Amino acid sequence: METPGGGGSRTLIVLPTYNEAANLAGVVSGILAQGRGIDVLVVDDGSPDGTGALAERLAATEPRVSVLHRARKEGLGPAYIAGLLCGLSLGHDRLVTMDADLSHAPSDVPRLIAAVDAGADVACGSRWVRGGGTAGWPLHRRLLSRGGSAYARTLLGLRLRDVTGGFKCFRREALLAIDVASMGTTGYAFNIELNVRAVRRGLTVVEVPIVFTERVAGQSKMGSAIVLEALRAVPALRWAPQPPAELHAPPPPFVQVEAGAVELTGRRQAPEPAPAQPLVET
């Protein structure tokens, strides 16, 4: 398997988890199969179903897997922030945010990486551009997602078609410019805020078509409270001040964040990637 990006560069996939024991092994193996230059960081929020313990067992046998344990569940945003900051401090060149329930296809990871390597600062997996879509969603779910993106896009002045999607690849320098440590949204509004900050900082943001597949195992975290939070956050983001112009240095790899104490485990010394031919997006 070729290494996406090549040249010894490394990509970190940040997987926030809460009660994803039924899906974790499958998504991790699928991600690792995409290339030897890809690492996985599981950010588990104290899952009562044993997801954290399963992640430890995976990390014990695979040097490209690490686990970040957080004390309790406090939302998607804080989990991503903790994982992204760890990835920055560990020196990864690209960082990917991705669902752990196999809704985002691991086979799409190289396409997002290729878009960044072709010049984008941020590559967003998009359901609502030509070639994208959903599988297994009822009509009301599709209307809710499309309507939410249209609402946020109009109010925030964004040109992106899929404003709420969470499958993204960031160039390292882009995350430093976005300054994720200062972000305040907690649920799925976090994905909207990432887009707003990227666009306002003048970063190059592209959309790559993906098909989002409804989970087949476990319980969806999408509820009315999360939807309402996202709706309330959009007007606040419209008038939020822009982040400071200077780039922010990442913190040390073992930090305490607002979401609670975190513990990073797993071996970080991965094998040297083999030389690879450039990937061509199809």
C-alpha atoms as a PDB file:
ATOM      1  CA  MET A   1       0.000   0.000   0.000  1.00  0.00           C
ATOM      2  CA  GLU A   2       1.386   3.401  -0.956  1.00  0.00           C
ATOM      3  CA  THR A   3       1.875   6.034   1.712  1.00  0.00           C
ATOM      4  CA  PRO A   4      -0.387   9.047   1.100  1.00  0.00           C
ATOM      5  CA  GLY A   5       1.724  12.150   0.717  1.00  0.00           C
ATOM      6  CA  GLY A   6       5.015  10.272   0.633  1.00  0.00           C
ATOM      7  CA  GLY A   7       8.314  11.874   1.509  1.00  0.00           C
ATOM      8  CA  GLY A   8       8.226  10.708   5.147  1.00  0.00           C
ATOM      9  CA  SER A   9       5.277  12.972   6.039  1.00  0.00           C
ATOM     10  CA  ARG A  10       2.710  11.665   8.490  1.00  0.00           C
ATOM     11  CA  THR A  11      -1.034  12.037   8.878  1.00  0.00           C
ATOM     12  CA  LEU A  12      -2.960  11.646  12.123  1.00  0.00           C
ATOM     13  CA  ILE A  13      -6.599  10.536  12.131  1.00  0.00           C
ATOM     14  CA  VAL A  14      -8.395  11.810  15.250  1.00  0.00           C
ATOM     15  CA  LEU A  15     -11.288   9.525  16.227  1.00  0.00           C
ATOM     16  CA  PRO A  16     -13.499  10.761  19.088  1.00  0.00           C
ATOM     17  CA  THR A  17     -15.370   7.872  20.660  1.00  0.00           C
ATOM     18  CA  TYR A  18     -18.171   7.305  23.123  1.00  0.00           C
ATOM     19  CA  ASN A  19     -19.667   3.817  23.207  1.00  0.00           C
ATOM     20  CA  GLU A  20     -18.215   2.764  19.851  1.00  0.00           C
ATOM     21  CA  ALA A  21     -16.924  -0.694  20.828  1.00  0.00           C
ATOM     22  CA  ALA A  22     -18.928  -2.305  18.024  1.00  0.00           C
ATOM     23  CA  ASN A  23     -17.279  -0.137  15.354  1.00  0.00           C
ATOM     24  CA  LEU A  24     -13.803   0.721  16.604  1.00  0.00           C
ATOM     25  CA  ALA A  25     -11.789  -2.269  15.402  1.00  0.00           C
ATOM     26  CA  GLY A  26     -13.297  -2.041  11.929  1.00  0.00           C
ATOM     27  CA  VAL A  27     -12.701   1.665  11.451  1.00  0.00           C
ATOM     28  CA  VAL A  28      -9.136   1.517  12.824  1.00  0.00           C
ATOM     29  CA  SER A  29      -8.140  -1.406  10.597  1.00  0.00           C
ATOM     30  CA  GLY A  30      -9.746   0.308   7.622  1.00  0.00           C
ATOM     31  CA  ILE A  31      -7.805   3.506   8.251  1.00  0.00           C
ATOM     32  CA  LEU A  32      -4.452   1.794   8.759  1.00  0.00           C
ATOM     33  CA  ALA A  33      -4.937  -0.098   5.481  1.00  0.00           C
ATOM     34  CA  GLN A  34      -4.865   3.220   3.601  1.00  0.00           C
ATOM     35  CA  GLY A  35      -1.114   3.693   3.960  1.00  0.00           C
ATOM     36  CA  ARG A  36       1.873   3.349   6.247  1.00  0.00           C
ATOM     37  CA  GLY A  37       2.149   7.096   6.764  1.00  0.00           C
ATOM     38  CA  ILE A  38      -1.162   7.211   8.665  1.00  0.00           C
ATOM     39  CA  ASP A  39      -1.510   7.087  12.446  1.00  0.00           C
ATOM     40  CA  VAL A  40      -4.694   6.883  14.535  1.00  0.00           C
ATOM     41  CA  LEU A  41      -5.466   8.649  17.804  1.00  0.00           C
ATOM     42  CA  VAL A  42      -8.579   7.376  19.589  1.00  0.00           C
ATOM     43  CA  VAL A  43      -9.992  10.049  21.930  1.00  0.00           C
ATOM     44  CA  ASP A  44     -12.293   8.208  24.297  1.00  0.00           C
ATOM     45  CA  ASP A  45     -14.581  10.044  26.704  1.00  0.00           C
ATOM     46  CA  GLY A  46     -14.809   7.347  29.359  1.00  0.00           C
ATOM     47  CA  SER A  47     -17.105   5.059  27.345  1.00  0.00           C
ATOM     48  CA  PRO A  48     -18.998   2.677  29.653  1.00  0.00           C
ATOM     49  CA  ASP A  49     -19.160   0.012  26.917  1.00  0.00           C
ATOM     50  CA  GLY A  50     -15.409  -0.657  27.043  1.00  0.00           C
ATOM     51  CA  THR A  51     -14.383   1.337  23.953  1.00  0.00           C
ATOM     52  CA  GLY A  52     -11.359   2.739  25.793  1.00  0.00           C
ATOM     53  CA  ALA A  53     -10.162  -0.711  26.858  1.00  0.00           C
ATOM     54  CA  LEU A  54     -10.580  -2.006  23.312  1.00  0.00           C
ATOM     55  CA  ALA A  55      -8.578   0.950  22.003  1.00  0.00           C
ATOM     56  CA  GLU A  56      -5.807   0.056  24.471  1.00  0.00           C
ATOM     57  CA  ARG A  57      -5.693  -3.494  23.144  1.00  0.00           C
ATOM     58  CA  LEU A  58      -5.432  -2.193  19.582  1.00  0.00           C
ATOM     59  CA  ALA A  59      -2.632   0.196  20.593  1.00  0.00           C
ATOM     60  CA  ALA A  60      -0.757  -2.620  22.316  1.00  0.00           C
ATOM     61  CA  THR A  61      -0.439  -4.528  19.061  1.00  0.00           C
ATOM     62  CA  GLU A  62      -0.151  -1.686  16.541  1.00  0.00           C
ATOM     63  CA  PRO A  63       2.464   1.088  16.978  1.00  0.00           C
ATOM     64  CA  ARG A  64       0.476   3.485  14.785  1.00  0.00           C
ATOM     65  CA  VAL A  65      -2.449   3.538  17.224  1.00  0.00           C
ATOM     66  CA  SER A  66      -2.576   5.682  20.375  1.00  0.00           C
ATOM     67  CA  VAL A  67      -5.310   6.392  22.900  1.00  0.00           C
ATOM     68  CA  LEU A  68      -6.225   9.633  24.613  1.00  0.00           C
ATOM     69  CA  HIS A  69      -8.393   8.949  27.665  1.00  0.00           C
ATOM     70  CA  ARG A  70     -10.634  11.738  28.922  1.00  0.00           C
ATOM     71  CA  ALA A  71     -12.473  11.612  32.214  1.00  0.00           C
ATOM     72  CA  ARG A  72     -16.010  12.071  30.932  1.00  0.00           C
ATOM     73  CA  LYS A  73     -18.193  12.899  27.956  1.00  0.00           C
ATOM     74  CA  GLU A  74     -18.231  16.654  27.302  1.00  0.00           C
ATOM     75  CA  GLY A  75     -19.017  16.996  23.634  1.00  0.00           C
ATOM     76  CA  LEU A  76     -17.532  16.508  20.204  1.00  0.00           C
ATOM     77  CA  GLY A  77     -15.706  19.844  20.126  1.00  0.00           C
ATOM     78  CA  PRO A  78     -13.596  19.389  23.273  1.00  0.00           C
ATOM     79  CA  ALA A  79     -12.729  15.836  22.221  1.00  0.00           C
ATOM     80  CA  TYR A  80     -11.516  17.012  18.816  1.00  0.00           C
ATOM     81  CA  ILE A  81      -9.600  19.913  20.342  1.00  0.00           C
ATOM     82  CA  ALA A  82      -7.746  17.600  22.719  1.00  0.00           C
ATOM     83  CA  GLY A  83      -6.888  15.205  19.891  1.00  0.00           C
ATOM     84  CA  LEU A  84      -5.845  17.880  17.402  1.00  0.00           C
ATOM     85  CA  LEU A  85      -3.615  19.632  19.933  1.00  0.00           C
ATOM     86  CA  CYS A  86      -1.901  16.337  20.708  1.00  0.00           C
ATOM     87  CA  GLY A  87      -1.401  15.729  16.998  1.00  0.00           C
ATOM     88  CA  LEU A  88       0.132  19.161  16.513  1.00  0.00           C
ATOM     89  CA  SER A  89       2.479  18.705  19.438  1.00  0.00           C
ATOM     90  CA  LEU A  90       3.570  15.308  18.129  1.00  0.00           C
ATOM     91  CA  GLY A  91       4.583  16.880  14.811  1.00  0.00           C
ATOM     92  CA  HIS A  92       2.109  15.435  12.308  1.00  0.00           C
ATOM     93  CA  ASP A  93       1.999  17.172   8.926  1.00  0.00           C
ATOM     94  CA  ARG A  94      -1.727  16.624   8.320  1.00  0.00           C
ATOM     95  CA  LEU A  95      -4.568  15.986  10.731  1.00  0.00           C
ATOM     96  CA  VAL A  96      -7.933  14.436   9.894  1.00  0.00           C
ATOM     97  CA  THR A  97     -11.188  14.619  11.846  1.00  0.00           C
ATOM     98  CA  MET A  98     -13.410  11.624  11.259  1.00  0.00           C
ATOM     99  CA  ASP A  99     -16.371   9.751  12.758  1.00  0.00           C
ATOM    100  CA  ALA A 100     -15.606   6.436  14.447  1.00  0.00           C
ATOM    101  CA  ASP A 101     -18.873   4.713  13.443  1.00  0.00           C
ATOM    102  CA  LEU A 102     -17.878   3.957   9.816  1.00  0.00           C
ATOM    103  CA  SER A 103     -20.183   6.683   8.488  1.00  0.00           C
ATOM    104  CA  HIS A 104     -17.041   8.139   6.937  1.00  0.00           C
ATOM    105  CA  ALA A 105     -15.383   5.585   4.675  1.00  0.00           C
ATOM    106  CA  PRO A 106     -11.712   4.945   5.512  1.00  0.00           C
ATOM    107  CA  SER A 107     -11.101   4.522   1.773  1.00  0.00           C
ATOM    108  CA  ASP A 108     -11.844   8.240   1.330  1.00  0.00           C
ATOM    109  CA  VAL A 109      -8.956   9.304   3.591  1.00  0.00           C
ATOM    110  CA  PRO A 110      -6.321   9.244   0.782  1.00  0.00           C
ATOM    111  CA  ARG A 111      -8.551  11.468  -1.373  1.00  0.00           C
ATOM    112  CA  LEU A 112      -8.706  14.134   1.340  1.00  0.00           C
ATOM    113  CA  ILE A 113      -4.956  13.895   1.870  1.00  0.00           C
ATOM    114  CA  ALA A 114      -4.375  14.193  -1.879  1.00  0.00           C
ATOM    115  CA  ALA A 115      -6.465  17.390  -1.981  1.00  0.00           C
ATOM    116  CA  VAL A 116      -4.308  18.942   0.739  1.00  0.00           C
ATOM    117  CA  ASP A 117      -1.114  17.806  -0.946  1.00  0.00           C
ATOM    118  CA  ALA A 118      -2.396  19.402  -4.167  1.00  0.00           C
ATOM    119  CA  GLY A 119      -2.524  22.808  -2.489  1.00  0.00           C
ATOM    120  CA  ALA A 120      -5.593  23.031  -0.248  1.00  0.00           C
ATOM    121  CA  ASP A 121      -5.216  24.090   3.369  1.00  0.00           C
ATOM    122  CA  VAL A 122      -8.402  22.274   4.364  1.00  0.00           C
ATOM    123  CA  ALA A 123     -10.149  19.465   2.467  1.00  0.00           C
ATOM    124  CA  CYS A 124     -13.751  18.815   3.527  1.00  0.00           C
ATOM    125  CA  GLY A 125     -15.561  15.601   2.753  1.00  0.00           C
ATOM    126  CA  SER A 126     -18.815  16.865   1.247  1.00  0.00           C
ATOM    127  CA  ARG A 127     -22.179  15.143   0.921  1.00  0.00           C
ATOM    128  CA  TRP A 128     -23.748  17.976  -1.039  1.00  0.00           C
ATOM    129  CA  VAL A 129     -21.427  18.509  -4.005  1.00  0.00           C
ATOM    130  CA  ARG A 130     -21.655  16.575  -7.265  1.00  0.00           C
ATOM    131  CA  GLY A 131     -20.588  12.995  -6.636  1.00  0.00           C
ATOM    132  CA  GLY A 132     -21.399  13.143  -2.919  1.00  0.00           C
ATOM    133  CA  GLY A 133     -24.435  11.872  -1.081  1.00  0.00           C
ATOM    134  CA  THR A 134     -25.760   9.734   1.744  1.00  0.00           C
ATOM    135  CA  ALA A 135     -26.678   6.074   2.128  1.00  0.00           C
ATOM    136  CA  GLY A 136     -29.320   4.769   4.478  1.00  0.00           C
ATOM    137  CA  TRP A 137     -30.761   8.153   5.422  1.00  0.00           C
ATOM    138  CA  PRO A 138     -34.521   8.760   5.447  1.00  0.00           C
ATOM    139  CA  LEU A 139     -35.854  11.810   3.646  1.00  0.00           C
ATOM    140  CA  HIS A 140     -36.304  13.891   6.810  1.00  0.00           C
ATOM    141  CA  ARG A 141     -32.638  13.357   7.768  1.00  0.00           C
ATOM    142  CA  ARG A 142     -31.455  14.491   4.338  1.00  0.00           C
ATOM    143  CA  LEU A 143     -33.709  17.544   4.479  1.00  0.00           C
ATOM    144  CA  LEU A 144     -32.454  18.413   7.969  1.00  0.00           C
ATOM    145  CA  SER A 145     -28.815  18.185   6.908  1.00  0.00           C
ATOM    146  CA  ARG A 146     -29.281  20.106   3.676  1.00  0.00           C
ATOM    147  CA  GLY A 147     -31.413  22.719   5.427  1.00  0.00           C
ATOM    148  CA  GLY A 148     -28.875  23.112   8.218  1.00  0.00           C
ATOM    149  CA  SER A 149     -26.071  23.634   5.725  1.00  0.00           C
ATOM    150  CA  ALA A 150     -28.137  26.153   3.741  1.00  0.00           C
ATOM    151  CA  TYR A 151     -29.053  28.054   6.916  1.00  0.00           C
ATOM    152  CA  ALA A 152     -25.438  28.242   8.103  1.00  0.00           C
ATOM    153  CA  ARG A 153     -24.089  28.973   4.633  1.00  0.00           C
ATOM    154  CA  THR A 154     -26.487  31.887   4.121  1.00  0.00           C
ATOM    155  CA  LEU A 155     -26.092  33.455   7.544  1.00  0.00           C
ATOM    156  CA  LEU A 156     -22.314  33.068   7.628  1.00  0.00           C
ATOM    157  CA  GLY A 157     -21.644  33.995   4.002  1.00  0.00           C
ATOM    158  CA  LEU A 158     -19.880  30.735   3.189  1.00  0.00           C
ATOM    159  CA  ARG A 159     -19.632  29.202  -0.288  1.00  0.00           C
ATOM    160  CA  LEU A 160     -19.262  25.637   0.976  1.00  0.00           C
ATOM    161  CA  ARG A 161     -22.119  23.301   0.141  1.00  0.00           C
ATOM    162  CA  ASP A 162     -21.664  21.025   3.172  1.00  0.00           C
ATOM    163  CA  VAL A 163     -21.111  23.323   6.154  1.00  0.00           C
ATOM    164  CA  THR A 164     -21.874  20.812   8.916  1.00  0.00           C
ATOM    165  CA  GLY A 165     -19.763  17.831   7.822  1.00  0.00           C
ATOM    166  CA  GLY A 166     -17.072  16.539  10.151  1.00  0.00           C
ATOM    167  CA  PHE A 167     -14.778  14.617   7.766  1.00  0.00           C
ATOM    168  CA  LYS A 168     -11.891  17.031   7.159  1.00  0.00           C
ATOM    169  CA  CYS A 169      -8.164  16.993   6.463  1.00  0.00           C
ATOM    170  CA  PHE A 170      -6.066  19.948   7.638  1.00  0.00           C
ATOM    171  CA  ARG A 171      -2.610  21.019   6.737  1.00  0.00           C
ATOM    172  CA  ARG A 172      -0.675  21.494   9.970  1.00  0.00           C
ATOM    173  CA  GLU A 173      -0.161  25.207   9.349  1.00  0.00           C
ATOM    174  CA  ALA A 174      -3.890  25.647   8.758  1.00  0.00           C
ATOM    175  CA  LEU A 175      -4.763  24.306  12.205  1.00  0.00           C
ATOM    176  CA  LEU A 176      -2.225  26.620  13.780  1.00  0.00           C
ATOM    177  CA  ALA A 177      -3.853  29.557  11.981  1.00  0.00           C
ATOM    178  CA  ILE A 178      -7.348  28.464  13.008  1.00  0.00           C
ATOM    179  CA  ASP A 179      -6.251  28.279  16.672  1.00  0.00           C
ATOM    180  CA  VAL A 180      -8.465  25.367  17.698  1.00  0.00           C
ATOM    181  CA  ALA A 181      -7.516  25.767  21.365  1.00  0.00           C
ATOM    182  CA  SER A 182      -9.637  28.916  21.600  1.00  0.00           C
ATOM    183  CA  MET A 183     -12.764  27.445  19.994  1.00  0.00           C
ATOM    184  CA  GLY A 184     -15.851  27.405  22.178  1.00  0.00           C
ATOM    185  CA  THR A 185     -18.471  25.239  20.456  1.00  0.00           C
ATOM    186  CA  THR A 186     -19.017  21.774  21.871  1.00  0.00           C
ATOM    187  CA  GLY A 187     -21.345  19.697  19.665  1.00  0.00           C
ATOM    188  CA  TYR A 188     -21.667  19.491  15.905  1.00  0.00           C
ATOM    189  CA  ALA A 189     -21.473  23.283  15.736  1.00  0.00           C
ATOM    190  CA  PHE A 190     -17.743  22.700  16.155  1.00  0.00           C
ATOM    191  CA  ASN A 191     -17.608  21.590  12.524  1.00  0.00           C
ATOM    192  CA  ILE A 192     -19.283  24.833  11.445  1.00  0.00           C
ATOM    193  CA  GLU A 193     -16.881  26.934  13.509  1.00  0.00           C
ATOM    194  CA  LEU A 194     -13.888  25.200  11.915  1.00  0.00           C
ATOM    195  CA  ASN A 195     -15.167  26.239   8.483  1.00  0.00           C
ATOM    196  CA  VAL A 196     -15.856  29.810   9.570  1.00  0.00           C
ATOM    197  CA  ARG A 197     -12.394  30.267  11.037  1.00  0.00           C
ATOM    198  CA  ALA A 198     -10.682  28.714   8.029  1.00  0.00           C
ATOM    199  CA  VAL A 199     -12.495  30.978   5.564  1.00  0.00           C
ATOM    200  CA  ARG A 200     -12.004  34.116   7.657  1.00  0.00           C
ATOM    201  CA  ARG A 201      -8.292  33.444   7.880  1.00  0.00           C
ATOM    202  CA  GLY A 202      -8.106  33.304   4.071  1.00  0.00           C
ATOM    203  CA  LEU A 203      -7.235  29.614   3.933  1.00  0.00           C
ATOM    204  CA  THR A 204      -7.898  27.553   0.821  1.00  0.00           C
ATOM    205  CA  VAL A 205     -10.850  25.268   1.598  1.00  0.00           C
ATOM    206  CA  VAL A 206     -11.978  22.660  -0.939  1.00  0.00           C
ATOM    207  CA  GLU A 207     -14.787  20.104  -0.917  1.00  0.00           C
ATOM    208  CA  VAL A 208     -14.183  16.491  -1.902  1.00  0.00           C
ATOM    209  CA  PRO A 209     -17.300  14.413  -2.667  1.00  0.00           C
ATOM    210  CA  ILE A 210     -17.998  11.575  -0.230  1.00  0.00           C
ATOM    211  CA  VAL A 211     -20.921   9.276   0.513  1.00  0.00           C
ATOM    212  CA  PHE A 212     -21.950   9.372   4.173  1.00  0.00           C
ATOM    213  CA  THR A 213     -23.304   5.977   5.254  1.00  0.00           C
ATOM    214  CA  GLU A 214     -25.687   5.623   8.175  1.00  0.00           C
ATOM    215  CA  ARG A 215     -24.191   3.602  11.013  1.00  0.00           C
ATOM    216  CA  VAL A 216     -25.201  -0.052  11.278  1.00  0.00           C
ATOM    217  CA  ALA A 217     -23.995  -0.650  14.868  1.00  0.00           C
ATOM    218  CA  GLY A 218     -24.287   1.420  18.018  1.00  0.00           C
ATOM    219  CA  GLN A 219     -26.444   4.420  18.781  1.00  0.00           C
ATOM    220  CA  SER A 220     -26.343   7.764  16.988  1.00  0.00           C
ATOM    221  CA  LYS A 221     -25.238  10.749  19.088  1.00  0.00           C
ATOM    222  CA  MET A 222     -27.367  13.138  17.033  1.00  0.00           C
ATOM    223  CA  GLY A 223     -30.224  14.442  19.173  1.00  0.00           C
ATOM    224  CA  SER A 224     -32.463  17.483  19.452  1.00  0.00           C
ATOM    225  CA  ALA A 225     -30.135  19.184  21.949  1.00  0.00           C
ATOM    226  CA  ILE A 226     -27.217  18.950  19.514  1.00  0.00           C
ATOM    227  CA  VAL A 227     -29.316  20.320  16.655  1.00  0.00           C
ATOM    228  CA  LEU A 228     -30.537  23.241  18.781  1.00  0.00           C
ATOM    229  CA  GLU A 229     -26.993  24.039  19.890  1.00  0.00           C
ATOM    230  CA  ALA A 230     -25.859  24.195  16.282  1.00  0.00           C
ATOM    231  CA  LEU A 231     -28.785  26.475  15.333  1.00  0.00           C
ATOM    232  CA  ARG A 232     -28.018  28.841  18.208  1.00  0.00           C
ATOM    233  CA  ALA A 233     -24.299  28.860  17.484  1.00  0.00           C
ATOM    234  CA  VAL A 234     -24.608  30.093  13.900  1.00  0.00           C
ATOM    235  CA  PRO A 235     -25.732  33.685  14.713  1.00  0.00           C
ATOM    236  CA  ALA A 236     -23.046  33.882  17.396  1.00  0.00           C
ATOM    237  CA  LEU A 237     -20.390  32.774  14.904  1.00  0.00           C
ATOM    238  CA  ARG A 238     -21.553  35.394  12.409  1.00  0.00           C
ATOM    239  CA  TRP A 239     -20.572  38.236  14.712  1.00  0.00           C
ATOM    240  CA  ALA A 240     -17.718  36.534  16.533  1.00  0.00           C
ATOM    241  CA  PRO A 241     -14.374  38.385  16.379  1.00  0.00           C
ATOM    242  CA  GLN A 242     -11.740  36.884  14.160  1.00  0.00           C
ATOM    243  CA  PRO A 243      -8.933  34.962  15.861  1.00  0.00           C
ATOM    244  CA  PRO A 244      -5.685  36.893  16.359  1.00  0.00           C
ATOM    245  CA  ALA A 245      -3.439  37.221  13.337  1.00  0.00           C
ATOM    246  CA  GLU A 246      -0.373  35.540  14.823  1.00  0.00           C
ATOM    247  CA  LEU A 247      -0.016  31.794  14.578  1.00  0.00           C
ATOM    248  CA  HIS A 248      -0.298  29.871  17.820  1.00  0.00           C
ATOM    249  CA  ALA A 249       2.303  27.336  18.865  1.00  0.00           C
ATOM    250  CA  PRO A 250       0.916  23.944  19.944  1.00  0.00           C
ATOM    251  CA  PRO A 251       1.045  22.925  23.607  1.00  0.00           C
ATOM    252  CA  PRO A 252       3.160  20.024  24.899  1.00  0.00           C
ATOM    253  CA  PRO A 253       1.793  16.558  24.070  1.00  0.00           C
ATOM    254  CA  PHE A 254       0.507  15.791  27.569  1.00  0.00           C
ATOM    255  CA  VAL A 255      -1.822  18.554  28.635  1.00  0.00           C
ATOM    256  CA  GLN A 256      -4.825  19.246  30.794  1.00  0.00           C
ATOM    257  CA  VAL A 257      -7.628  20.812  28.820  1.00  0.00           C
ATOM    258  CA  GLU A 258     -10.931  22.256  29.929  1.00  0.00           C
ATOM    259  CA  ALA A 259     -12.703  18.973  29.245  1.00  0.00           C
ATOM    260  CA  GLY A 260     -10.729  17.320  32.075  1.00  0.00           C
ATOM    261  CA  ALA A 261      -7.503  15.490  32.613  1.00  0.00           C
ATOM    262  CA  VAL A 262      -6.290  13.501  29.629  1.00  0.00           C
ATOM    263  CA  GLU A 263      -3.885  10.594  29.406  1.00  0.00           C
ATOM    264  CA  LEU A 264      -2.151   9.604  26.188  1.00  0.00           C
ATOM    265  CA  THR A 265      -1.073   5.998  25.806  1.00  0.00           C
ATOM    266  CA  GLY A 266       0.272   3.868  23.003  1.00  0.00           C
ATOM    267  CA  ARG A 267       3.574   3.674  21.206  1.00  0.00           C
ATOM    268  CA  ARG A 268       4.203   6.647  18.955  1.00  0.00           C
ATOM    269  CA  GLN A 269       7.310   5.347  17.207  1.00  0.00           C
ATOM    270  CA  ALA A 270       5.950   4.067  13.909  1.00  0.00           C
ATOM    271  CA  PRO A 271       7.942   2.312  11.187  1.00  0.00           C
ATOM    272  CA  GLU A 272       9.500   4.506   8.561  1.00  0.00           C
ATOM    273  CA  PRO A 273       7.095   4.836   5.616  1.00  0.00           C
ATOM    274  CA  ALA A 274       8.099   3.360   2.303  1.00  0.00           C
ATOM    275  CA  PRO A 275       8.551   5.667  -0.691  1.00  0.00           C
ATOM    276  CA  ALA A 276       5.312   6.190  -2.566  1.00  0.00           C
ATOM    277  CA  GLN A 277       4.150   7.351  -5.944  1.00  0.00           C
ATOM    278  CA  PRO A 278       1.921  10.439  -5.933  1.00  0.00           C
ATOM    279  CA  LEU A 279      -1.767   9.680  -5.550  1.00  0.00           C
ATOM    280  CA  VAL A 280      -4.116  10.923  -8.233  1.00  0.00           C
ATOM    281  CA  GLU A 281      -7.657  11.822  -7.205  1.00  0.00           C
ATOM    282  CA  THR A 282     -10.316  10.220  -9.359  1.00  0.00           C
END
